[in-house]
Amino acid sequence: MSDILPVGEAVEVVVDWIDETFGWLLDGITAIMDMLVSGFQDGMAAVPPLLLIVIFALIAWILTKKNLKIGLLTLFGLLFIYLLDLWSETILTLALVITSAVVTLAIAIPLGILASRSQTVDTALRPILDLMQTMPSFVYLIPAVIFFGLGNVPGMIATIIFAMPPAIRLTNLGIRQVPVELIEVSEAFGATQWQKLVKVQLPVAMPTIMAGVNQCIMLALSMTVIAAMIGAAGLGLNVLMGIQRVDIGGGFEAGLCIVIIAIILDRITQNVISTGNDQK
């Protein structure tokens, strides 16, 4: 640490104060996040793998408005992963990614809506989001480890912070791009602020918001290997172990499974976006 500018010492003081003051809150967050991931993972593990693959394919088919190609892509992609004998790791990875994405969107979309309706909030959030998007992803691991230790939960916390900026920005942008004429028409019919938001702004902005959802999921998936460095399990840990042990085959198979999951989730969310355009 520098003796001229004691930035590191100041950070240590702040971290110690947060840990002592809000330790109970951090423990509560850890317990809740761990319960969500365990519940999700146990629920999927209770279903026979082949049946679960068919269920996932049907869900993909329904979400994409009966797009047979995406349904078959999901079916054969997951079947390929099952035949690689990496199904349990895939389930845990899906549980971590989906839980992280849900928590991220639950925070990011309301913040994006708030920023679109308040210039003050937008101005305050802009430098924070710039900082979050320019900071190297490895840096997110440091506060996660300090406050939450090692394991799946700190990996999820780092993933949530890393994946949040695009969802906030695109929600804000989508609502701001709603034509003024539509807002004026809704006001002419006496719509309240809540009715304007729910019945006009959000439906019109949905394609842009779904682009933010897509980016959020892709970023969450890209953090699986990095989060493995602080103890997050799943396919990312297999890739990391493959690197450490120079196990090229094992690392490649786990990495290939991550790519397959990314393609499936990307195609599903992309199709939902195009559906939003059709509805528009």
C-alpha atoms as a PDB file:
ATOM      1  CA  MET A   1       0.000   0.000   0.000  1.00  0.00           C
ATOM      2  CA  SER A   2       1.162   3.521  -0.766  1.00  0.00           C
ATOM      3  CA  ASP A   3       2.553   5.677   2.084  1.00  0.00           C
ATOM      4  CA  ILE A   4       1.847   8.883   0.129  1.00  0.00           C
ATOM      5  CA  LEU A   5      -1.817   8.294  -0.621  1.00  0.00           C
ATOM      6  CA  PRO A   6      -3.178   5.798   1.945  1.00  0.00           C
ATOM      7  CA  VAL A   7      -6.098   4.746  -0.229  1.00  0.00           C
ATOM      8  CA  GLY A   8      -5.696   1.095   0.670  1.00  0.00           C
ATOM      9  CA  GLU A   9      -5.832   1.831   4.426  1.00  0.00           C
ATOM     10  CA  ALA A  10      -8.974   3.926   3.945  1.00  0.00           C
ATOM     11  CA  VAL A  11     -10.616   1.083   2.028  1.00  0.00           C
ATOM     12  CA  GLU A  12      -9.707  -1.377   4.781  1.00  0.00           C
ATOM     13  CA  VAL A  13     -11.304   0.902   7.393  1.00  0.00           C
ATOM     14  CA  VAL A  14     -14.500   1.180   5.350  1.00  0.00           C
ATOM     15  CA  VAL A  15     -14.622  -2.576   4.732  1.00  0.00           C
ATOM     16  CA  ASP A  16     -14.134  -3.332   8.438  1.00  0.00           C
ATOM     17  CA  TRP A  17     -16.897  -0.866   9.358  1.00  0.00           C
ATOM     18  CA  ILE A  18     -19.319  -2.397   6.857  1.00  0.00           C
ATOM     19  CA  ASP A  19     -18.476  -5.898   8.033  1.00  0.00           C
ATOM     20  CA  GLU A  20     -18.994  -5.017  11.708  1.00  0.00           C
ATOM     21  CA  THR A  21     -22.112  -2.890  11.190  1.00  0.00           C
ATOM     22  CA  PHE A  22     -23.947  -4.890   8.548  1.00  0.00           C
ATOM     23  CA  GLY A  23     -22.629  -8.372   9.258  1.00  0.00           C
ATOM     24  CA  TRP A  24     -26.132  -9.577  10.117  1.00  0.00           C
ATOM     25  CA  LEU A  25     -27.433  -8.284   6.764  1.00  0.00           C
ATOM     26  CA  LEU A  26     -24.616  -9.947   4.814  1.00  0.00           C
ATOM     27  CA  ASP A  27     -25.296 -13.231   6.618  1.00  0.00           C
ATOM     28  CA  GLY A  28     -28.992 -12.918   5.765  1.00  0.00           C
ATOM     29  CA  ILE A  29     -28.244 -12.264   2.082  1.00  0.00           C
ATOM     30  CA  THR A  30     -25.900 -15.256   2.036  1.00  0.00           C
ATOM     31  CA  ALA A  31     -28.544 -17.523   3.573  1.00  0.00           C
ATOM     32  CA  ILE A  32     -31.266 -16.378   1.152  1.00  0.00           C
ATOM     33  CA  MET A  33     -29.092 -16.690  -1.949  1.00  0.00           C
ATOM     34  CA  ASP A  34     -27.840 -20.102  -0.856  1.00  0.00           C
ATOM     35  CA  MET A  35     -31.419 -21.247  -0.248  1.00  0.00           C
ATOM     36  CA  LEU A  36     -32.515 -20.057  -3.713  1.00  0.00           C
ATOM     37  CA  VAL A  37     -29.690 -21.861  -5.514  1.00  0.00           C
ATOM     38  CA  SER A  38     -30.064 -25.040  -3.441  1.00  0.00           C
ATOM     39  CA  GLY A  39     -33.834 -25.082  -3.991  1.00  0.00           C
ATOM     40  CA  PHE A  40     -33.456 -24.577  -7.715  1.00  0.00           C
ATOM     41  CA  GLN A  41     -30.725 -27.192  -8.000  1.00  0.00           C
ATOM     42  CA  ASP A  42     -32.516 -29.763  -5.828  1.00  0.00           C
ATOM     43  CA  GLY A  43     -35.758 -29.234  -7.756  1.00  0.00           C
ATOM     44  CA  MET A  44     -34.058 -29.949 -11.086  1.00  0.00           C
ATOM     45  CA  ALA A  45     -32.017 -32.837  -9.670  1.00  0.00           C
ATOM     46  CA  ALA A  46     -35.244 -34.501  -8.455  1.00  0.00           C
ATOM     47  CA  VAL A  47     -36.432 -34.891 -12.054  1.00  0.00           C
ATOM     48  CA  PRO A  48     -34.894 -37.666 -14.207  1.00  0.00           C
ATOM     49  CA  PRO A  49     -32.369 -36.061 -16.599  1.00  0.00           C
ATOM     50  CA  LEU A  50     -33.992 -37.219 -19.851  1.00  0.00           C
ATOM     51  CA  LEU A  51     -37.424 -36.059 -18.701  1.00  0.00           C
ATOM     52  CA  LEU A  52     -35.972 -32.712 -17.610  1.00  0.00           C
ATOM     53  CA  ILE A  53     -34.332 -32.294 -21.030  1.00  0.00           C
ATOM     54  CA  VAL A  54     -37.701 -32.843 -22.724  1.00  0.00           C
ATOM     55  CA  ILE A  55     -39.350 -30.364 -20.325  1.00  0.00           C
ATOM     56  CA  PHE A  56     -36.683 -27.731 -21.090  1.00  0.00           C
ATOM     57  CA  ALA A  57     -37.173 -28.298 -24.835  1.00  0.00           C
ATOM     58  CA  LEU A  58     -40.950 -27.868 -24.460  1.00  0.00           C
ATOM     59  CA  ILE A  59     -40.468 -24.684 -22.424  1.00  0.00           C
ATOM     60  CA  ALA A  60     -38.126 -23.308 -25.115  1.00  0.00           C
ATOM     61  CA  TRP A  61     -40.652 -24.271 -27.814  1.00  0.00           C
ATOM     62  CA  ILE A  62     -43.500 -22.504 -25.965  1.00  0.00           C
ATOM     63  CA  LEU A  63     -41.492 -19.374 -25.076  1.00  0.00           C
ATOM     64  CA  THR A  64     -40.419 -18.951 -28.686  1.00  0.00           C
ATOM     65  CA  LYS A  65     -43.977 -19.208 -30.021  1.00  0.00           C
ATOM     66  CA  LYS A  66     -43.625 -22.828 -31.153  1.00  0.00           C
ATOM     67  CA  ASN A  67     -40.314 -22.335 -32.937  1.00  0.00           C
ATOM     68  CA  LEU A  68     -39.427 -25.944 -33.776  1.00  0.00           C
ATOM     69  CA  LYS A  69     -35.766 -25.178 -34.546  1.00  0.00           C
ATOM     70  CA  ILE A  70     -35.113 -23.721 -31.104  1.00  0.00           C
ATOM     71  CA  GLY A  71     -37.027 -26.562 -29.441  1.00  0.00           C
ATOM     72  CA  LEU A  72     -34.860 -29.118 -31.255  1.00  0.00           C
ATOM     73  CA  LEU A  73     -31.705 -27.094 -30.544  1.00  0.00           C
ATOM     74  CA  THR A  74     -32.522 -27.203 -26.832  1.00  0.00           C
ATOM     75  CA  LEU A  75     -33.365 -30.918 -26.949  1.00  0.00           C
ATOM     76  CA  PHE A  76     -30.233 -32.073 -28.772  1.00  0.00           C
ATOM     77  CA  GLY A  77     -27.942 -29.537 -27.088  1.00  0.00           C
ATOM     78  CA  LEU A  78     -28.880 -30.678 -23.593  1.00  0.00           C
ATOM     79  CA  LEU A  79     -28.842 -34.328 -24.690  1.00  0.00           C
ATOM     80  CA  PHE A  80     -25.274 -33.814 -25.934  1.00  0.00           C
ATOM     81  CA  ILE A  81     -24.305 -32.375 -22.527  1.00  0.00           C
ATOM     82  CA  TYR A  82     -25.952 -35.349 -20.782  1.00  0.00           C
ATOM     83  CA  LEU A  83     -23.958 -37.793 -22.924  1.00  0.00           C
ATOM     84  CA  LEU A  84     -20.747 -35.953 -21.930  1.00  0.00           C
ATOM     85  CA  ASP A  85     -21.598 -36.935 -18.328  1.00  0.00           C
ATOM     86  CA  LEU A  86     -21.643 -33.304 -17.194  1.00  0.00           C
ATOM     87  CA  TRP A  87     -25.336 -33.092 -16.342  1.00  0.00           C
ATOM     88  CA  SER A  88     -25.002 -32.444 -12.590  1.00  0.00           C
ATOM     89  CA  GLU A  89     -22.494 -29.634 -13.226  1.00  0.00           C
ATOM     90  CA  THR A  90     -24.815 -28.206 -15.890  1.00  0.00           C
ATOM     91  CA  ILE A  91     -27.773 -28.182 -13.484  1.00  0.00           C
ATOM     92  CA  LEU A  92     -25.734 -26.296 -10.884  1.00  0.00           C
ATOM     93  CA  THR A  93     -24.492 -23.838 -13.523  1.00  0.00           C
ATOM     94  CA  LEU A  94     -28.064 -23.222 -14.705  1.00  0.00           C
ATOM     95  CA  ALA A  95     -29.193 -22.730 -11.096  1.00  0.00           C
ATOM     96  CA  LEU A  96     -26.421 -20.180 -10.475  1.00  0.00           C
ATOM     97  CA  VAL A  97     -26.926 -18.313 -13.765  1.00  0.00           C
ATOM     98  CA  ILE A  98     -30.724 -18.203 -13.671  1.00  0.00           C
ATOM     99  CA  THR A  99     -30.839 -17.211  -9.983  1.00  0.00           C
ATOM    100  CA  SER A 100     -28.228 -14.496 -10.561  1.00  0.00           C
ATOM    101  CA  ALA A 101     -30.093 -13.223 -13.637  1.00  0.00           C
ATOM    102  CA  VAL A 102     -33.449 -13.125 -11.811  1.00  0.00           C
ATOM    103  CA  VAL A 103     -31.988 -11.192  -8.863  1.00  0.00           C
ATOM    104  CA  THR A 104     -30.135  -8.868 -11.266  1.00  0.00           C
ATOM    105  CA  LEU A 105     -33.281  -8.085 -13.273  1.00  0.00           C
ATOM    106  CA  ALA A 106     -35.348  -7.627 -10.103  1.00  0.00           C
ATOM    107  CA  ILE A 107     -32.958  -4.813  -9.158  1.00  0.00           C
ATOM    108  CA  ALA A 108     -31.968  -3.468 -12.584  1.00  0.00           C
ATOM    109  CA  ILE A 109     -35.371  -3.043 -14.262  1.00  0.00           C
ATOM    110  CA  PRO A 110     -36.903  -0.920 -11.440  1.00  0.00           C
ATOM    111  CA  LEU A 111     -33.705   1.167 -11.372  1.00  0.00           C
ATOM    112  CA  GLY A 112     -33.927   1.613 -15.154  1.00  0.00           C
ATOM    113  CA  ILE A 113     -37.576   2.682 -14.875  1.00  0.00           C
ATOM    114  CA  LEU A 114     -36.669   5.105 -12.079  1.00  0.00           C
ATOM    115  CA  ALA A 115     -33.806   6.559 -14.144  1.00  0.00           C
ATOM    116  CA  SER A 116     -36.096   7.047 -17.136  1.00  0.00           C
ATOM    117  CA  ARG A 117     -38.561   9.034 -15.042  1.00  0.00           C
ATOM    118  CA  SER A 118     -36.047  11.121 -13.070  1.00  0.00           C
ATOM    119  CA  GLN A 119     -33.156  13.019 -14.629  1.00  0.00           C
ATOM    120  CA  THR A 120     -31.542  13.303 -11.178  1.00  0.00           C
ATOM    121  CA  VAL A 121     -31.480   9.537 -10.739  1.00  0.00           C
ATOM    122  CA  ASP A 122     -30.204   9.094 -14.294  1.00  0.00           C
ATOM    123  CA  THR A 123     -27.386  11.605 -13.706  1.00  0.00           C
ATOM    124  CA  ALA A 124     -26.435   9.927 -10.419  1.00  0.00           C
ATOM    125  CA  LEU A 125     -26.449   6.417 -11.906  1.00  0.00           C
ATOM    126  CA  ARG A 126     -24.519   7.239 -15.085  1.00  0.00           C
ATOM    127  CA  PRO A 127     -20.978   7.499 -13.571  1.00  0.00           C
ATOM    128  CA  ILE A 128     -21.622   4.449 -11.380  1.00  0.00           C
ATOM    129  CA  LEU A 129     -22.660   2.379 -14.401  1.00  0.00           C
ATOM    130  CA  ASP A 130     -19.660   3.688 -16.375  1.00  0.00           C
ATOM    131  CA  LEU A 131     -17.387   2.556 -13.553  1.00  0.00           C
ATOM    132  CA  MET A 132     -19.077  -0.858 -13.343  1.00  0.00           C
ATOM    133  CA  GLN A 133     -18.764  -1.457 -17.091  1.00  0.00           C
ATOM    134  CA  THR A 134     -15.126  -0.368 -17.404  1.00  0.00           C
ATOM    135  CA  MET A 135     -13.850  -2.198 -14.329  1.00  0.00           C
ATOM    136  CA  PRO A 136     -12.158  -5.575 -15.072  1.00  0.00           C
ATOM    137  CA  SER A 137     -14.422  -8.468 -14.145  1.00  0.00           C
ATOM    138  CA  PHE A 138     -11.799  -9.949 -11.788  1.00  0.00           C
ATOM    139  CA  VAL A 139     -12.058  -6.857  -9.567  1.00  0.00           C
ATOM    140  CA  TYR A 140     -15.636  -7.784  -8.676  1.00  0.00           C
ATOM    141  CA  LEU A 141     -14.313 -10.859  -6.918  1.00  0.00           C
ATOM    142  CA  ILE A 142     -12.510  -8.800  -4.253  1.00  0.00           C
ATOM    143  CA  PRO A 143     -15.524  -7.273  -2.393  1.00  0.00           C
ATOM    144  CA  ALA A 144     -17.495 -10.483  -2.928  1.00  0.00           C
ATOM    145  CA  VAL A 145     -14.818 -12.507  -1.123  1.00  0.00           C
ATOM    146  CA  ILE A 146     -14.380  -9.899   1.624  1.00  0.00           C
ATOM    147  CA  PHE A 147     -18.070  -9.709   2.528  1.00  0.00           C
ATOM    148  CA  PHE A 148     -19.328 -13.197   1.627  1.00  0.00           C
ATOM    149  CA  GLY A 149     -16.300 -15.499   1.860  1.00  0.00           C
ATOM    150  CA  LEU A 150     -15.813 -18.334  -0.618  1.00  0.00           C
ATOM    151  CA  GLY A 151     -18.381 -20.485  -2.415  1.00  0.00           C
ATOM    152  CA  ASN A 152     -21.373 -20.134  -4.702  1.00  0.00           C
ATOM    153  CA  VAL A 153     -22.888 -17.058  -3.017  1.00  0.00           C
ATOM    154  CA  PRO A 154     -19.909 -14.693  -3.506  1.00  0.00           C
ATOM    155  CA  GLY A 155     -19.724 -15.921  -7.093  1.00  0.00           C
ATOM    156  CA  MET A 156     -23.364 -14.980  -7.563  1.00  0.00           C
ATOM    157  CA  ILE A 157     -22.869 -11.571  -5.925  1.00  0.00           C
ATOM    158  CA  ALA A 158     -19.975 -10.795  -8.306  1.00  0.00           C
ATOM    159  CA  THR A 159     -22.090 -12.018 -11.225  1.00  0.00           C
ATOM    160  CA  ILE A 160     -25.061  -9.847 -10.224  1.00  0.00           C
ATOM    161  CA  ILE A 161     -22.928  -6.695 -10.058  1.00  0.00           C
ATOM    162  CA  PHE A 162     -21.156  -7.551 -13.324  1.00  0.00           C
ATOM    163  CA  ALA A 163     -24.393  -8.247 -15.251  1.00  0.00           C
ATOM    164  CA  MET A 164     -26.457  -5.326 -13.952  1.00  0.00           C
ATOM    165  CA  PRO A 165     -25.390  -2.256 -16.029  1.00  0.00           C
ATOM    166  CA  PRO A 166     -26.757  -3.324 -19.464  1.00  0.00           C
ATOM    167  CA  ALA A 167     -30.179  -4.152 -18.001  1.00  0.00           C
ATOM    168  CA  ILE A 168     -30.404  -0.734 -16.292  1.00  0.00           C
ATOM    169  CA  ARG A 169     -29.197   1.209 -19.334  1.00  0.00           C
ATOM    170  CA  LEU A 170     -31.428  -0.563 -21.873  1.00  0.00           C
ATOM    171  CA  THR A 171     -34.535  -0.323 -19.677  1.00  0.00           C
ATOM    172  CA  ASN A 172     -33.864   3.406 -19.258  1.00  0.00           C
ATOM    173  CA  LEU A 173     -33.214   3.839 -22.992  1.00  0.00           C
ATOM    174  CA  GLY A 174     -36.266   1.836 -24.074  1.00  0.00           C
ATOM    175  CA  ILE A 175     -38.681   3.879 -21.976  1.00  0.00           C
ATOM    176  CA  ARG A 176     -37.114   7.182 -23.031  1.00  0.00           C
ATOM    177  CA  GLN A 177     -37.549   6.185 -26.695  1.00  0.00           C
ATOM    178  CA  VAL A 178     -41.322   5.736 -26.389  1.00  0.00           C
ATOM    179  CA  PRO A 179     -42.906   8.231 -28.865  1.00  0.00           C
ATOM    180  CA  VAL A 180     -44.185  11.391 -27.201  1.00  0.00           C
ATOM    181  CA  GLU A 181     -47.429  11.095 -29.184  1.00  0.00           C
ATOM    182  CA  LEU A 182     -48.314   7.864 -27.416  1.00  0.00           C
ATOM    183  CA  ILE A 183     -47.712   9.479 -24.017  1.00  0.00           C
ATOM    184  CA  GLU A 184     -49.872  12.457 -24.972  1.00  0.00           C
ATOM    185  CA  VAL A 185     -52.698  10.213 -26.183  1.00  0.00           C
ATOM    186  CA  SER A 186     -52.658   8.222 -22.930  1.00  0.00           C
ATOM    187  CA  GLU A 187     -52.706  11.480 -20.937  1.00  0.00           C
ATOM    188  CA  ALA A 188     -55.606  12.725 -23.056  1.00  0.00           C
ATOM    189  CA  PHE A 189     -57.569   9.626 -22.020  1.00  0.00           C
ATOM    190  CA  GLY A 190     -56.834  10.385 -18.366  1.00  0.00           C
ATOM    191  CA  ALA A 191     -54.297   7.613 -17.722  1.00  0.00           C
ATOM    192  CA  THR A 192     -52.499   7.718 -14.391  1.00  0.00           C
ATOM    193  CA  GLN A 193     -48.698   7.524 -14.125  1.00  0.00           C
ATOM    194  CA  TRP A 194     -48.922   3.826 -13.290  1.00  0.00           C
ATOM    195  CA  GLN A 195     -51.285   3.130 -16.222  1.00  0.00           C
ATOM    196  CA  LYS A 196     -48.990   5.013 -18.619  1.00  0.00           C
ATOM    197  CA  LEU A 197     -46.037   2.956 -17.430  1.00  0.00           C
ATOM    198  CA  VAL A 198     -47.712  -0.461 -17.483  1.00  0.00           C
ATOM    199  CA  LYS A 199     -49.987  -0.104 -20.514  1.00  0.00           C
ATOM    200  CA  VAL A 200     -47.951   2.185 -22.795  1.00  0.00           C
ATOM    201  CA  GLN A 201     -44.276   2.630 -21.923  1.00  0.00           C
ATOM    202  CA  LEU A 202     -43.290  -0.894 -20.869  1.00  0.00           C
ATOM    203  CA  PRO A 203     -45.054  -2.700 -23.783  1.00  0.00           C
ATOM    204  CA  VAL A 204     -43.547  -0.313 -26.362  1.00  0.00           C
ATOM    205  CA  ALA A 205     -40.106  -0.503 -24.744  1.00  0.00           C
ATOM    206  CA  MET A 206     -40.235  -4.299 -24.350  1.00  0.00           C
ATOM    207  CA  PRO A 207     -37.908  -5.165 -27.313  1.00  0.00           C
ATOM    208  CA  THR A 208     -35.184  -2.906 -25.885  1.00  0.00           C
ATOM    209  CA  ILE A 209     -35.773  -4.208 -22.354  1.00  0.00           C
ATOM    210  CA  MET A 210     -35.519  -7.791 -23.634  1.00  0.00           C
ATOM    211  CA  ALA A 211     -32.204  -6.882 -25.274  1.00  0.00           C
ATOM    212  CA  GLY A 212     -31.066  -5.904 -21.779  1.00  0.00           C
ATOM    213  CA  VAL A 213     -32.350  -9.220 -20.420  1.00  0.00           C
ATOM    214  CA  ASN A 214     -30.390 -11.048 -23.120  1.00  0.00           C
ATOM    215  CA  GLN A 215     -27.201  -9.153 -22.284  1.00  0.00           C
ATOM    216  CA  CYS A 216     -27.714  -9.781 -18.579  1.00  0.00           C
ATOM    217  CA  ILE A 217     -28.006 -13.555 -19.070  1.00  0.00           C
ATOM    218  CA  MET A 218     -25.007 -13.701 -21.409  1.00  0.00           C
ATOM    219  CA  LEU A 219     -22.830 -11.720 -18.980  1.00  0.00           C
ATOM    220  CA  ALA A 220     -23.956 -13.930 -16.079  1.00  0.00           C
ATOM    221  CA  LEU A 221     -22.964 -17.005 -18.067  1.00  0.00           C
ATOM    222  CA  SER A 222     -19.605 -15.471 -19.000  1.00  0.00           C
ATOM    223  CA  MET A 223     -18.794 -15.094 -15.288  1.00  0.00           C
ATOM    224  CA  THR A 224     -19.083 -18.816 -14.532  1.00  0.00           C
ATOM    225  CA  VAL A 225     -15.369 -19.512 -15.055  1.00  0.00           C
ATOM    226  CA  ILE A 226     -14.207 -16.328 -13.285  1.00  0.00           C
ATOM    227  CA  ALA A 227     -16.536 -16.969 -10.325  1.00  0.00           C
ATOM    228  CA  ALA A 228     -15.037 -20.453 -10.008  1.00  0.00           C
ATOM    229  CA  MET A 229     -11.838 -18.768  -8.781  1.00  0.00           C
ATOM    230  CA  ILE A 230     -13.615 -17.909  -5.528  1.00  0.00           C
ATOM    231  CA  GLY A 231     -15.279 -21.273  -5.078  1.00  0.00           C
ATOM    232  CA  ALA A 232     -18.373 -21.190  -7.302  1.00  0.00           C
ATOM    233  CA  ALA A 233     -19.049 -24.723  -8.543  1.00  0.00           C
ATOM    234  CA  GLY A 234     -20.498 -25.981 -11.810  1.00  0.00           C
ATOM    235  CA  LEU A 235     -19.047 -26.115 -15.306  1.00  0.00           C
ATOM    236  CA  GLY A 236     -16.834 -23.079 -14.631  1.00  0.00           C
ATOM    237  CA  LEU A 237     -14.988 -25.033 -11.942  1.00  0.00           C
ATOM    238  CA  ASN A 238     -14.405 -27.895 -14.392  1.00  0.00           C
ATOM    239  CA  VAL A 239     -12.882 -25.431 -16.880  1.00  0.00           C
ATOM    240  CA  LEU A 240     -10.693 -23.916 -14.167  1.00  0.00           C
ATOM    241  CA  MET A 241      -9.544 -27.352 -13.005  1.00  0.00           C
ATOM    242  CA  GLY A 242      -8.791 -28.278 -16.615  1.00  0.00           C
ATOM    243  CA  ILE A 243      -6.520 -25.233 -16.871  1.00  0.00           C
ATOM    244  CA  GLN A 244      -4.794 -25.877 -13.553  1.00  0.00           C
ATOM    245  CA  ARG A 245      -4.202 -29.586 -14.264  1.00  0.00           C
ATOM    246  CA  VAL A 246      -3.469 -29.097 -17.976  1.00  0.00           C
ATOM    247  CA  ASP A 247      -6.416 -31.419 -18.639  1.00  0.00           C
ATOM    248  CA  ILE A 248      -7.174 -30.197 -22.142  1.00  0.00           C
ATOM    249  CA  GLY A 249      -9.971 -32.683 -22.826  1.00  0.00           C
ATOM    250  CA  GLY A 250     -11.858 -32.126 -19.570  1.00  0.00           C
ATOM    251  CA  GLY A 251     -11.547 -28.341 -19.781  1.00  0.00           C
ATOM    252  CA  PHE A 252     -12.665 -28.322 -23.420  1.00  0.00           C
ATOM    253  CA  GLU A 253     -15.744 -30.472 -22.731  1.00  0.00           C
ATOM    254  CA  ALA A 254     -16.861 -28.216 -19.870  1.00  0.00           C
ATOM    255  CA  GLY A 255     -16.208 -25.107 -21.968  1.00  0.00           C
ATOM    256  CA  LEU A 256     -18.179 -26.608 -24.853  1.00  0.00           C
ATOM    257  CA  CYS A 257     -21.139 -27.203 -22.525  1.00  0.00           C
ATOM    258  CA  ILE A 258     -21.044 -23.518 -21.452  1.00  0.00           C
ATOM    259  CA  VAL A 259     -21.085 -22.497 -25.122  1.00  0.00           C
ATOM    260  CA  ILE A 260     -24.083 -24.762 -25.832  1.00  0.00           C
ATOM    261  CA  ILE A 261     -26.016 -23.305 -22.893  1.00  0.00           C
ATOM    262  CA  ALA A 262     -25.128 -19.774 -24.045  1.00  0.00           C
ATOM    263  CA  ILE A 263     -26.395 -20.484 -27.573  1.00  0.00           C
ATOM    264  CA  ILE A 264     -29.656 -21.978 -26.286  1.00  0.00           C
ATOM    265  CA  LEU A 265     -30.370 -19.095 -23.884  1.00  0.00           C
ATOM    266  CA  ASP A 266     -29.380 -16.519 -26.510  1.00  0.00           C
ATOM    267  CA  ARG A 267     -31.682 -18.009 -29.174  1.00  0.00           C
ATOM    268  CA  ILE A 268     -34.586 -18.173 -26.724  1.00  0.00           C
ATOM    269  CA  THR A 269     -34.248 -14.569 -25.562  1.00  0.00           C
ATOM    270  CA  GLN A 270     -33.600 -13.339 -29.107  1.00  0.00           C
ATOM    271  CA  ASN A 271     -36.833 -14.959 -30.247  1.00  0.00           C
ATOM    272  CA  VAL A 272     -38.756 -13.402 -27.391  1.00  0.00           C
ATOM    273  CA  ILE A 273     -37.349 -10.053 -28.544  1.00  0.00           C
ATOM    274  CA  SER A 274     -38.561 -10.633 -32.091  1.00  0.00           C
ATOM    275  CA  THR A 275     -41.944 -11.612 -30.638  1.00  0.00           C
ATOM    276  CA  GLY A 276     -42.034  -8.275 -28.890  1.00  0.00           C
ATOM    277  CA  ASN A 277     -41.400  -6.561 -32.230  1.00  0.00           C
ATOM    278  CA  ASP A 278     -44.212  -8.493 -33.828  1.00  0.00           C
ATOM    279  CA  GLN A 279     -46.581  -7.457 -31.080  1.00  0.00           C
ATOM    280  CA  LYS A 280     -45.466  -3.868 -31.524  1.00  0.00           C
END
